[in-house]
Amino acid sequence: MATSTQQKQELYKTIWQIANDLRGAVDGWDFKQYVLGILFYRYISENITNYLNDLQRKAGVKDFDYAAFNDAEAEAAKAQIVKEKGFFILPSQLFENVRKNAKDDENLNMTLAEVFKAIEASAIGTDSEQDMRGLFDDLDVNSSKLGSTVSKRNERLVKILNAIGEMNLGGPQENKIDAFGD
């Protein structure tokens, strides 16, 4: 298990790597929005995955993995999941699955935009609607600041996803730092 110092070093190393990848293209405020937005996307993806995996394992389905679950079957449980978690993410829209396909997704910027829109929309008409509304508004994955072409934007988005995906902060029970605060 990593110490809080090791986790902070990992966080800072990743932020520095992303800063180098975006150098000259994105200013400080926008940079912060990309890092925090994608980090939060990873967090809520892992949060819902861990929650559903734990529920299924407690129910006796030992090898259940929400990330590998069928979208149509997950959709059937959407209302209950939103009621319990306040939001919903299809398995195909989870951070780990989008990241896994990112390099080969010629429309990654649009894929991410659709994912963020779907996450926010999942709470419409629920108690968590206010909390989720506009959550990803500052994360413009179609911004020319990321690159002058869709290809260049997607190249940078892949780098951000990979850098954040490679961060080793441990599972939710193992986190010793406030990644967003730090």
N, C-alpha and C. Protein backbone atom coordinates (compact mmCIF):
# COMPACT_ATOMS: atom_id res chain seq x y z
N MET A 1 0.85 -1.17 0.00
CA MET A 1 0.00 0.00 0.00
C MET A 1 0.90 1.24 0.00
N ALA A 2 0.59 2.18 -0.88
CA ALA A 2 1.39 3.39 -1.01
C ALA A 2 1.13 4.34 0.16
N THR A 3 2.17 5.05 0.55
CA THR A 3 2.03 6.06 1.60
C THR A 3 1.45 7.33 1.00
N SER A 4 1.03 8.24 1.85
CA SER A 4 0.49 9.50 1.36
C SER A 4 1.56 10.28 0.58
N THR A 5 2.81 10.21 1.03
CA THR A 5 3.90 10.89 0.32
C THR A 5 4.08 10.29 -1.08
N GLN A 6 4.03 8.96 -1.18
CA GLN A 6 4.16 8.30 -2.47
C GLN A 6 2.99 8.66 -3.38
N GLN A 7 1.78 8.70 -2.81
CA GLN A 7 0.61 9.05 -3.62
C GLN A 7 0.69 10.49 -4.11
N LYS A 8 1.15 11.41 -3.27
CA LYS A 8 1.31 12.81 -3.69
C LYS A 8 2.37 12.91 -4.78
N GLN A 9 3.46 12.20 -4.63
CA GLN A 9 4.51 12.22 -5.65
C GLN A 9 3.98 11.70 -6.98
N GLU A 10 3.18 10.66 -6.93
CA GLU A 10 2.57 10.09 -8.14
C GLU A 10 1.65 11.12 -8.79
N LEU A 11 0.85 11.80 -7.98
CA LEU A 11 -0.06 12.83 -8.48
C LEU A 11 0.72 13.95 -9.13
N TYR A 12 1.74 14.46 -8.46
CA TYR A 12 2.52 15.58 -8.98
C TYR A 12 3.27 15.19 -10.25
N LYS A 13 3.80 13.97 -10.29
CA LYS A 13 4.50 13.48 -11.47
C LYS A 13 3.55 13.44 -12.67
N THR A 14 2.33 12.98 -12.44
CA THR A 14 1.35 12.89 -13.52
C THR A 14 0.94 14.27 -14.00
N ILE A 15 0.71 15.18 -13.07
CA ILE A 15 0.32 16.53 -13.46
C ILE A 15 1.44 17.18 -14.27
N TRP A 16 2.68 16.98 -13.86
CA TRP A 16 3.81 17.53 -14.60
C TRP A 16 3.88 16.94 -16.01
N GLN A 17 3.63 15.64 -16.12
CA GLN A 17 3.64 14.97 -17.43
C GLN A 17 2.56 15.56 -18.33
N ILE A 18 1.36 15.75 -17.79
CA ILE A 18 0.28 16.33 -18.59
C ILE A 18 0.62 17.76 -18.97
N ALA A 19 1.19 18.52 -18.05
CA ALA A 19 1.59 19.90 -18.35
C ALA A 19 2.58 19.93 -19.51
N ASN A 20 3.54 19.01 -19.51
CA ASN A 20 4.49 18.94 -20.62
C ASN A 20 3.80 18.60 -21.93
N ASP A 21 2.83 17.69 -21.89
CA ASP A 21 2.11 17.30 -23.09
C ASP A 21 1.26 18.44 -23.65
N LEU A 22 0.77 19.31 -22.76
CA LEU A 22 -0.11 20.40 -23.19
C LEU A 22 0.61 21.74 -23.30
N ARG A 23 1.90 21.76 -23.01
CA ARG A 23 2.68 23.00 -23.00
C ARG A 23 2.47 23.79 -24.29
N GLY A 24 2.18 25.08 -24.12
CA GLY A 24 2.02 25.97 -25.25
C GLY A 24 0.64 25.94 -25.89
N ALA A 25 -0.15 24.94 -25.58
CA ALA A 25 -1.47 24.83 -26.20
C ALA A 25 -2.57 25.28 -25.26
N VAL A 26 -2.41 24.99 -23.99
CA VAL A 26 -3.48 25.22 -23.03
C VAL A 26 -2.95 26.07 -21.89
N ASP A 27 -3.70 27.13 -21.53
CA ASP A 27 -3.24 27.97 -20.42
C ASP A 27 -3.56 27.31 -19.08
N GLY A 28 -3.09 27.93 -18.01
CA GLY A 28 -3.19 27.34 -16.68
C GLY A 28 -4.60 26.99 -16.25
N TRP A 29 -5.56 27.89 -16.47
CA TRP A 29 -6.93 27.62 -16.05
C TRP A 29 -7.50 26.44 -16.82
N ASP A 30 -7.32 26.45 -18.15
CA ASP A 30 -7.84 25.35 -18.96
C ASP A 30 -7.15 24.03 -18.60
N PHE A 31 -5.85 24.11 -18.36
CA PHE A 31 -5.09 22.93 -17.96
C PHE A 31 -5.71 22.30 -16.72
N LYS A 32 -6.01 23.14 -15.74
CA LYS A 32 -6.61 22.66 -14.49
C LYS A 32 -7.95 21.98 -14.77
N GLN A 33 -8.73 22.54 -15.69
CA GLN A 33 -10.03 21.95 -16.00
C GLN A 33 -9.89 20.56 -16.62
N TYR A 34 -8.91 20.39 -17.50
CA TYR A 34 -8.70 19.08 -18.12
C TYR A 34 -8.24 18.05 -17.09
N VAL A 35 -7.28 18.44 -16.27
CA VAL A 35 -6.76 17.50 -15.27
C VAL A 35 -7.85 17.13 -14.27
N LEU A 36 -8.49 18.13 -13.69
CA LEU A 36 -9.52 17.86 -12.69
C LEU A 36 -10.72 17.14 -13.29
N GLY A 37 -11.14 17.56 -14.49
CA GLY A 37 -12.30 16.94 -15.13
C GLY A 37 -12.08 15.47 -15.45
N ILE A 38 -10.93 15.16 -16.04
CA ILE A 38 -10.64 13.77 -16.39
C ILE A 38 -10.36 12.94 -15.13
N LEU A 39 -9.70 13.54 -14.15
CA LEU A 39 -9.47 12.84 -12.88
C LEU A 39 -10.80 12.53 -12.20
N PHE A 40 -11.73 13.48 -12.23
CA PHE A 40 -13.05 13.25 -11.64
C PHE A 40 -13.81 12.17 -12.42
N TYR A 41 -13.71 12.20 -13.74
CA TYR A 41 -14.33 11.18 -14.57
C TYR A 41 -13.80 9.80 -14.19
N ARG A 42 -12.49 9.68 -14.00
CA ARG A 42 -11.93 8.40 -13.56
C ARG A 42 -12.50 8.03 -12.20
N TYR A 43 -12.52 8.98 -11.29
CA TYR A 43 -12.99 8.72 -9.93
C TYR A 43 -14.43 8.20 -9.92
N ILE A 44 -15.35 8.88 -10.62
CA ILE A 44 -16.75 8.44 -10.56
C ILE A 44 -16.94 7.13 -11.31
N SER A 45 -16.12 6.89 -12.34
CA SER A 45 -16.18 5.60 -13.03
C SER A 45 -15.76 4.46 -12.10
N GLU A 46 -14.67 4.67 -11.39
CA GLU A 46 -14.20 3.65 -10.45
C GLU A 46 -15.16 3.51 -9.27
N ASN A 47 -15.74 4.61 -8.86
CA ASN A 47 -16.68 4.60 -7.75
C ASN A 47 -17.90 3.73 -8.07
N ILE A 48 -18.49 3.96 -9.23
CA ILE A 48 -19.69 3.19 -9.59
C ILE A 48 -19.32 1.73 -9.86
N THR A 49 -18.17 1.49 -10.47
CA THR A 49 -17.73 0.12 -10.74
C THR A 49 -17.51 -0.64 -9.44
N ASN A 50 -16.77 -0.05 -8.52
CA ASN A 50 -16.51 -0.71 -7.23
C ASN A 50 -17.81 -0.96 -6.47
N TYR A 51 -18.70 0.01 -6.48
CA TYR A 51 -19.98 -0.13 -5.78
C TYR A 51 -20.78 -1.31 -6.34
N LEU A 52 -20.92 -1.36 -7.67
CA LEU A 52 -21.71 -2.43 -8.28
C LEU A 52 -21.02 -3.79 -8.17
N ASN A 53 -19.70 -3.80 -8.31
CA ASN A 53 -18.97 -5.06 -8.14
C ASN A 53 -19.15 -5.60 -6.72
N ASP A 54 -19.04 -4.73 -5.73
CA ASP A 54 -19.22 -5.14 -4.34
C ASP A 54 -20.63 -5.68 -4.10
N LEU A 55 -21.64 -5.00 -4.63
CA LEU A 55 -23.03 -5.47 -4.47
C LEU A 55 -23.21 -6.87 -5.05
N GLN A 56 -22.70 -7.07 -6.25
CA GLN A 56 -22.86 -8.36 -6.91
C GLN A 56 -22.08 -9.46 -6.19
N ARG A 57 -20.92 -9.13 -5.71
CA ARG A 57 -20.12 -10.14 -4.99
C ARG A 57 -20.79 -10.53 -3.68
N LYS A 58 -21.38 -9.55 -3.01
CA LYS A 58 -22.12 -9.84 -1.78
C LYS A 58 -23.35 -10.69 -2.08
N ALA A 59 -23.88 -10.56 -3.30
CA ALA A 59 -25.05 -11.35 -3.71
C ALA A 59 -24.63 -12.73 -4.24
N GLY A 60 -23.33 -12.99 -4.23
CA GLY A 60 -22.87 -14.32 -4.62
C GLY A 60 -22.30 -14.42 -6.02
N VAL A 61 -22.26 -13.35 -6.77
CA VAL A 61 -21.70 -13.38 -8.12
C VAL A 61 -20.24 -12.97 -8.02
N LYS A 62 -19.40 -13.94 -7.72
CA LYS A 62 -18.00 -13.68 -7.36
C LYS A 62 -17.16 -13.08 -8.47
N ASP A 63 -17.43 -13.41 -9.73
CA ASP A 63 -16.59 -12.92 -10.83
C ASP A 63 -17.20 -11.75 -11.58
N PHE A 64 -18.17 -11.07 -10.98
CA PHE A 64 -18.84 -9.95 -11.64
C PHE A 64 -17.87 -8.80 -11.85
N ASP A 65 -17.92 -8.20 -13.04
CA ASP A 65 -17.12 -7.02 -13.35
C ASP A 65 -17.98 -6.07 -14.16
N TYR A 66 -18.40 -4.98 -13.53
CA TYR A 66 -19.27 -4.02 -14.21
C TYR A 66 -18.64 -3.49 -15.48
N ALA A 67 -17.35 -3.31 -15.51
CA ALA A 67 -16.68 -2.79 -16.70
C ALA A 67 -16.83 -3.72 -17.90
N ALA A 68 -17.04 -5.00 -17.66
CA ALA A 68 -17.22 -5.97 -18.74
C ALA A 68 -18.69 -6.31 -18.98
N PHE A 69 -19.58 -5.67 -18.24
CA PHE A 69 -21.00 -5.95 -18.31
C PHE A 69 -21.60 -5.38 -19.59
N ASN A 70 -22.69 -5.96 -20.02
CA ASN A 70 -23.40 -5.54 -21.22
C ASN A 70 -24.16 -4.23 -20.96
N ASP A 71 -24.02 -3.26 -21.87
CA ASP A 71 -24.71 -1.97 -21.72
C ASP A 71 -26.23 -2.12 -21.60
N ALA A 72 -26.82 -2.97 -22.42
CA ALA A 72 -28.27 -3.13 -22.41
C ALA A 72 -28.76 -3.65 -21.06
N GLU A 73 -28.03 -4.61 -20.50
CA GLU A 73 -28.41 -5.15 -19.20
C GLU A 73 -28.18 -4.12 -18.10
N ALA A 74 -27.13 -3.34 -18.21
CA ALA A 74 -26.87 -2.28 -17.23
C ALA A 74 -27.96 -1.22 -17.29
N GLU A 75 -28.41 -0.91 -18.48
CA GLU A 75 -29.46 0.09 -18.68
C GLU A 75 -30.73 -0.30 -17.93
N ALA A 76 -31.00 -1.58 -17.84
CA ALA A 76 -32.18 -2.07 -17.14
C ALA A 76 -32.15 -1.72 -15.65
N ALA A 77 -30.96 -1.54 -15.10
CA ALA A 77 -30.81 -1.23 -13.68
C ALA A 77 -30.55 0.26 -13.44
N LYS A 78 -30.61 1.06 -14.48
CA LYS A 78 -30.24 2.47 -14.41
C LYS A 78 -31.00 3.23 -13.33
N ALA A 79 -32.31 3.11 -13.30
CA ALA A 79 -33.11 3.88 -12.33
C ALA A 79 -32.69 3.57 -10.89
N GLN A 80 -32.46 2.32 -10.61
CA GLN A 80 -32.05 1.93 -9.26
C GLN A 80 -30.65 2.45 -8.92
N ILE A 81 -29.76 2.37 -9.89
CA ILE A 81 -28.38 2.84 -9.67
C ILE A 81 -28.38 4.35 -9.44
N VAL A 82 -29.13 5.09 -10.24
CA VAL A 82 -29.21 6.55 -10.06
C VAL A 82 -29.80 6.87 -8.69
N LYS A 83 -30.79 6.11 -8.29
CA LYS A 83 -31.39 6.33 -6.97
C LYS A 83 -30.37 6.13 -5.86
N GLU A 84 -29.51 5.13 -6.01
CA GLU A 84 -28.52 4.81 -4.99
C GLU A 84 -27.26 5.67 -5.07
N LYS A 85 -26.78 5.96 -6.29
CA LYS A 85 -25.51 6.67 -6.46
C LYS A 85 -25.68 8.13 -6.87
N GLY A 86 -26.80 8.47 -7.45
CA GLY A 86 -27.03 9.85 -7.90
C GLY A 86 -26.64 10.08 -9.34
N PHE A 87 -26.07 9.08 -9.99
CA PHE A 87 -25.67 9.19 -11.39
C PHE A 87 -25.55 7.78 -11.96
N PHE A 88 -25.34 7.71 -13.26
CA PHE A 88 -25.23 6.43 -13.94
C PHE A 88 -24.20 6.54 -15.06
N ILE A 89 -23.41 5.50 -15.25
CA ILE A 89 -22.47 5.42 -16.37
C ILE A 89 -22.59 4.02 -16.97
N LEU A 90 -22.85 3.96 -18.26
CA LEU A 90 -22.87 2.67 -18.94
C LEU A 90 -21.48 2.03 -18.87
N PRO A 91 -21.39 0.72 -18.86
CA PRO A 91 -20.08 0.08 -18.84
C PRO A 91 -19.16 0.56 -19.97
N SER A 92 -19.71 0.71 -21.17
CA SER A 92 -18.88 1.14 -22.30
C SER A 92 -18.38 2.58 -22.14
N GLN A 93 -19.02 3.34 -21.25
CA GLN A 93 -18.65 4.74 -21.04
C GLN A 93 -17.75 4.95 -19.83
N LEU A 94 -17.42 3.89 -19.14
CA LEU A 94 -16.52 4.00 -18.00
C LEU A 94 -15.14 4.47 -18.46
N PHE A 95 -14.46 5.19 -17.60
CA PHE A 95 -13.12 5.70 -17.90
C PHE A 95 -12.22 4.61 -18.47
N GLU A 96 -12.16 3.46 -17.80
CA GLU A 96 -11.22 2.41 -18.23
C GLU A 96 -11.54 1.90 -19.63
N ASN A 97 -12.83 1.84 -19.99
CA ASN A 97 -13.19 1.34 -21.32
C ASN A 97 -12.97 2.40 -22.40
N VAL A 98 -13.27 3.65 -22.10
CA VAL A 98 -13.01 4.72 -23.06
C VAL A 98 -11.50 4.84 -23.28
N ARG A 99 -10.75 4.78 -22.20
CA ARG A 99 -9.29 4.87 -22.29
C ARG A 99 -8.73 3.70 -23.11
N LYS A 100 -9.25 2.50 -22.88
CA LYS A 100 -8.76 1.31 -23.58
C LYS A 100 -8.92 1.47 -25.10
N ASN A 101 -9.98 2.15 -25.53
CA ASN A 101 -10.26 2.30 -26.96
C ASN A 101 -9.82 3.66 -27.51
N ALA A 102 -9.30 4.53 -26.65
CA ALA A 102 -9.02 5.93 -27.03
C ALA A 102 -8.07 6.06 -28.21
N LYS A 103 -7.00 5.31 -28.21
CA LYS A 103 -5.97 5.45 -29.25
C LYS A 103 -6.55 5.18 -30.65
N ASP A 104 -7.53 4.30 -30.73
CA ASP A 104 -8.11 3.92 -32.02
C ASP A 104 -9.42 4.63 -32.32
N ASP A 105 -9.86 5.53 -31.43
CA ASP A 105 -11.12 6.23 -31.60
C ASP A 105 -10.88 7.56 -32.32
N GLU A 106 -11.18 7.60 -33.61
CA GLU A 106 -10.97 8.81 -34.40
C GLU A 106 -11.87 9.95 -33.96
N ASN A 107 -12.89 9.64 -33.20
CA ASN A 107 -13.82 10.64 -32.71
C ASN A 107 -13.80 10.70 -31.19
N LEU A 108 -12.63 10.51 -30.60
CA LEU A 108 -12.51 10.49 -29.14
C LEU A 108 -13.10 11.73 -28.50
N ASN A 109 -12.85 12.89 -29.09
CA ASN A 109 -13.39 14.12 -28.51
C ASN A 109 -14.91 14.05 -28.43
N MET A 110 -15.55 13.53 -29.46
CA MET A 110 -17.01 13.41 -29.47
C MET A 110 -17.46 12.31 -28.51
N THR A 111 -16.71 11.22 -28.45
CA THR A 111 -17.03 10.15 -27.52
C THR A 111 -17.04 10.68 -26.10
N LEU A 112 -15.99 11.43 -25.72
CA LEU A 112 -15.93 12.00 -24.37
C LEU A 112 -17.06 13.00 -24.14
N ALA A 113 -17.34 13.83 -25.12
CA ALA A 113 -18.42 14.81 -24.97
C ALA A 113 -19.76 14.09 -24.73
N GLU A 114 -19.99 13.01 -25.46
CA GLU A 114 -21.23 12.24 -25.28
C GLU A 114 -21.27 11.56 -23.91
N VAL A 115 -20.15 11.04 -23.46
CA VAL A 115 -20.09 10.39 -22.15
C VAL A 115 -20.42 11.41 -21.06
N PHE A 116 -19.78 12.58 -21.12
CA PHE A 116 -20.01 13.60 -20.09
C PHE A 116 -21.46 14.06 -20.10
N LYS A 117 -22.02 14.21 -21.30
CA LYS A 117 -23.42 14.61 -21.42
C LYS A 117 -24.34 13.53 -20.84
N ALA A 118 -24.04 12.27 -21.10
CA ALA A 118 -24.85 11.16 -20.60
C ALA A 118 -24.79 11.07 -19.08
N ILE A 119 -23.62 11.29 -18.50
CA ILE A 119 -23.48 11.24 -17.05
C ILE A 119 -24.36 12.32 -16.42
N GLU A 120 -24.25 13.53 -16.94
CA GLU A 120 -25.06 14.63 -16.41
C GLU A 120 -26.55 14.37 -16.61
N ALA A 121 -26.91 13.86 -17.79
CA ALA A 121 -28.32 13.60 -18.11
C ALA A 121 -28.90 12.48 -17.26
N SER A 122 -28.06 11.59 -16.77
CA SER A 122 -28.57 10.46 -15.99
C SER A 122 -29.27 10.92 -14.71
N ALA A 123 -28.96 12.11 -14.26
CA ALA A 123 -29.54 12.60 -13.00
C ALA A 123 -30.76 13.50 -13.21
N ILE A 124 -31.11 13.79 -14.45
CA ILE A 124 -32.25 14.68 -14.70
C ILE A 124 -33.51 14.09 -14.09
N GLY A 125 -34.20 14.93 -13.34
CA GLY A 125 -35.44 14.50 -12.69
C GLY A 125 -35.24 13.77 -11.38
N THR A 126 -34.01 13.78 -10.87
CA THR A 126 -33.72 13.09 -9.62
C THR A 126 -33.23 14.09 -8.57
N ASP A 127 -33.08 13.63 -7.36
CA ASP A 127 -32.58 14.48 -6.28
C ASP A 127 -31.17 15.00 -6.54
N SER A 128 -30.40 14.28 -7.35
CA SER A 128 -29.02 14.67 -7.60
C SER A 128 -28.85 15.54 -8.86
N GLU A 129 -29.96 15.92 -9.47
CA GLU A 129 -29.88 16.70 -10.72
C GLU A 129 -29.05 17.97 -10.54
N GLN A 130 -29.28 18.70 -9.48
CA GLN A 130 -28.53 19.95 -9.26
C GLN A 130 -27.03 19.68 -9.10
N ASP A 131 -26.69 18.59 -8.44
CA ASP A 131 -25.28 18.25 -8.22
C ASP A 131 -24.58 17.88 -9.53
N MET A 132 -25.30 17.27 -10.43
CA MET A 132 -24.69 16.77 -11.66
C MET A 132 -24.76 17.76 -12.82
N ARG A 133 -25.69 18.69 -12.76
CA ARG A 133 -25.89 19.63 -13.87
C ARG A 133 -24.62 20.47 -14.07
N GLY A 134 -24.14 20.49 -15.31
CA GLY A 134 -22.99 21.30 -15.68
C GLY A 134 -21.66 20.81 -15.14
N LEU A 135 -21.63 19.60 -14.65
CA LEU A 135 -20.44 19.05 -14.02
C LEU A 135 -19.20 19.11 -14.92
N PHE A 136 -19.40 18.89 -16.21
CA PHE A 136 -18.28 18.86 -17.14
C PHE A 136 -18.28 20.05 -18.10
N ASP A 137 -19.03 21.10 -17.78
CA ASP A 137 -19.13 22.25 -18.68
C ASP A 137 -17.79 22.90 -18.99
N ASP A 138 -16.89 22.93 -18.05
CA ASP A 138 -15.59 23.59 -18.25
C ASP A 138 -14.57 22.70 -18.97
N LEU A 139 -14.95 21.49 -19.25
CA LEU A 139 -14.05 20.53 -19.89
C LEU A 139 -14.41 20.44 -21.37
N ASP A 140 -13.84 21.34 -22.17
CA ASP A 140 -14.17 21.43 -23.60
C ASP A 140 -13.24 20.53 -24.41
N VAL A 141 -13.71 19.33 -24.69
CA VAL A 141 -12.90 18.36 -25.43
C VAL A 141 -12.87 18.66 -26.93
N ASN A 142 -13.59 19.69 -27.36
CA ASN A 142 -13.60 20.10 -28.76
C ASN A 142 -12.86 21.42 -28.96
N SER A 143 -12.18 21.88 -27.95
CA SER A 143 -11.50 23.17 -28.01
C SER A 143 -10.30 23.13 -28.95
N SER A 144 -10.16 24.21 -29.74
CA SER A 144 -9.00 24.32 -30.61
C SER A 144 -7.72 24.50 -29.79
N LYS A 145 -7.85 24.80 -28.51
CA LYS A 145 -6.68 24.91 -27.64
C LYS A 145 -5.98 23.56 -27.49
N LEU A 146 -6.72 22.49 -27.65
CA LEU A 146 -6.13 21.14 -27.58
C LEU A 146 -5.40 20.80 -28.87
N GLY A 147 -5.75 21.48 -29.94
CA GLY A 147 -5.13 21.22 -31.24
C GLY A 147 -5.97 21.81 -32.35
N SER A 148 -5.32 22.10 -33.45
CA SER A 148 -6.01 22.76 -34.56
C SER A 148 -6.88 21.80 -35.37
N THR A 149 -6.66 20.50 -35.21
CA THR A 149 -7.46 19.50 -35.92
C THR A 149 -8.01 18.50 -34.90
N VAL A 150 -9.03 17.79 -35.31
CA VAL A 150 -9.60 16.76 -34.44
C VAL A 150 -8.54 15.73 -34.09
N SER A 151 -7.72 15.38 -35.05
CA SER A 151 -6.66 14.40 -34.82
C SER A 151 -5.70 14.86 -33.73
N LYS A 152 -5.29 16.13 -33.79
CA LYS A 152 -4.37 16.66 -32.77
C LYS A 152 -5.05 16.75 -31.40
N ARG A 153 -6.33 17.12 -31.39
CA ARG A 153 -7.07 17.17 -30.12
C ARG A 153 -7.13 15.79 -29.50
N ASN A 154 -7.47 14.82 -30.33
CA ASN A 154 -7.59 13.46 -29.83
C ASN A 154 -6.25 12.91 -29.34
N GLU A 155 -5.18 13.28 -30.02
CA GLU A 155 -3.85 12.85 -29.60
C GLU A 155 -3.55 13.36 -28.18
N ARG A 156 -3.90 14.60 -27.92
CA ARG A 156 -3.68 15.16 -26.58
C ARG A 156 -4.63 14.54 -25.57
N LEU A 157 -5.86 14.30 -25.97
CA LEU A 157 -6.81 13.67 -25.05
C LEU A 157 -6.36 12.27 -24.66
N VAL A 158 -5.81 11.52 -25.62
CA VAL A 158 -5.28 10.18 -25.33
C VAL A 158 -4.17 10.30 -24.29
N LYS A 159 -3.29 11.29 -24.46
CA LYS A 159 -2.18 11.47 -23.51
C LYS A 159 -2.72 11.78 -22.11
N ILE A 160 -3.75 12.62 -22.04
CA ILE A 160 -4.33 12.96 -20.73
C ILE A 160 -4.97 11.73 -20.10
N LEU A 161 -5.78 11.02 -20.88
CA LEU A 161 -6.43 9.81 -20.36
C LEU A 161 -5.40 8.80 -19.87
N ASN A 162 -4.36 8.60 -20.66
CA ASN A 162 -3.34 7.62 -20.27
C ASN A 162 -2.58 8.06 -19.03
N ALA A 163 -2.22 9.32 -18.97
CA ALA A 163 -1.48 9.80 -17.79
C ALA A 163 -2.32 9.64 -16.53
N ILE A 164 -3.58 10.02 -16.59
CA ILE A 164 -4.45 9.89 -15.42
C ILE A 164 -4.76 8.43 -15.15
N GLY A 165 -4.92 7.64 -16.19
CA GLY A 165 -5.18 6.21 -16.02
C GLY A 165 -4.02 5.45 -15.42
N GLU A 166 -2.81 5.93 -15.65
CA GLU A 166 -1.63 5.26 -15.12
C GLU A 166 -1.30 5.67 -13.69
N MET A 167 -2.00 6.66 -13.18
CA MET A 167 -1.76 7.09 -11.80
C MET A 167 -2.08 5.94 -10.85
N ASN A 168 -1.19 5.66 -9.94
CA ASN A 168 -1.39 4.59 -8.99
C ASN A 168 -1.68 5.19 -7.62
N LEU A 169 -2.94 5.51 -7.41
CA LEU A 169 -3.33 6.09 -6.12
C LEU A 169 -4.01 5.06 -5.24
N GLY A 170 -4.08 3.82 -5.70
CA GLY A 170 -4.74 2.78 -4.92
C GLY A 170 -6.24 2.86 -5.07
N GLY A 171 -6.91 1.91 -4.46
CA GLY A 171 -8.37 1.89 -4.47
C GLY A 171 -8.92 2.92 -3.51
N PRO A 172 -10.23 3.11 -3.51
CA PRO A 172 -10.85 4.12 -2.65
C PRO A 172 -10.51 3.95 -1.16
N GLN A 173 -10.38 2.72 -0.71
CA GLN A 173 -10.06 2.49 0.69
C GLN A 173 -8.60 2.77 0.99
N GLU A 174 -7.76 2.78 -0.05
CA GLU A 174 -6.33 2.95 0.13
C GLU A 174 -5.87 4.39 -0.05
N ASN A 175 -6.75 5.27 -0.54
CA ASN A 175 -6.36 6.66 -0.77
C ASN A 175 -5.99 7.34 0.54
N LYS A 176 -4.82 7.91 0.54
CA LYS A 176 -4.32 8.60 1.72
C LYS A 176 -4.26 10.12 1.51
N ILE A 177 -4.59 10.55 0.27
CA ILE A 177 -4.52 11.97 -0.03
C ILE A 177 -5.84 12.44 -0.64
N ASP A 178 -6.00 13.73 -0.70
CA ASP A 178 -7.12 14.35 -1.39
C ASP A 178 -6.60 14.76 -2.76
N ALA A 179 -6.75 13.88 -3.75
CA ALA A 179 -6.17 14.12 -5.07
C ALA A 179 -6.67 15.42 -5.67
N PHE A 180 -7.93 15.77 -5.45
CA PHE A 180 -8.46 17.01 -6.02
C PHE A 180 -7.93 18.22 -5.27
N GLY A 181 -7.85 18.13 -3.97
CA GLY A 181 -7.32 19.24 -3.17
C GLY A 181 -5.84 19.44 -3.39
N ASP A 182 -5.10 18.34 -3.45
CA ASP A 182 -3.65 18.43 -3.66
C ASP A 182 -3.35 18.91 -5.06
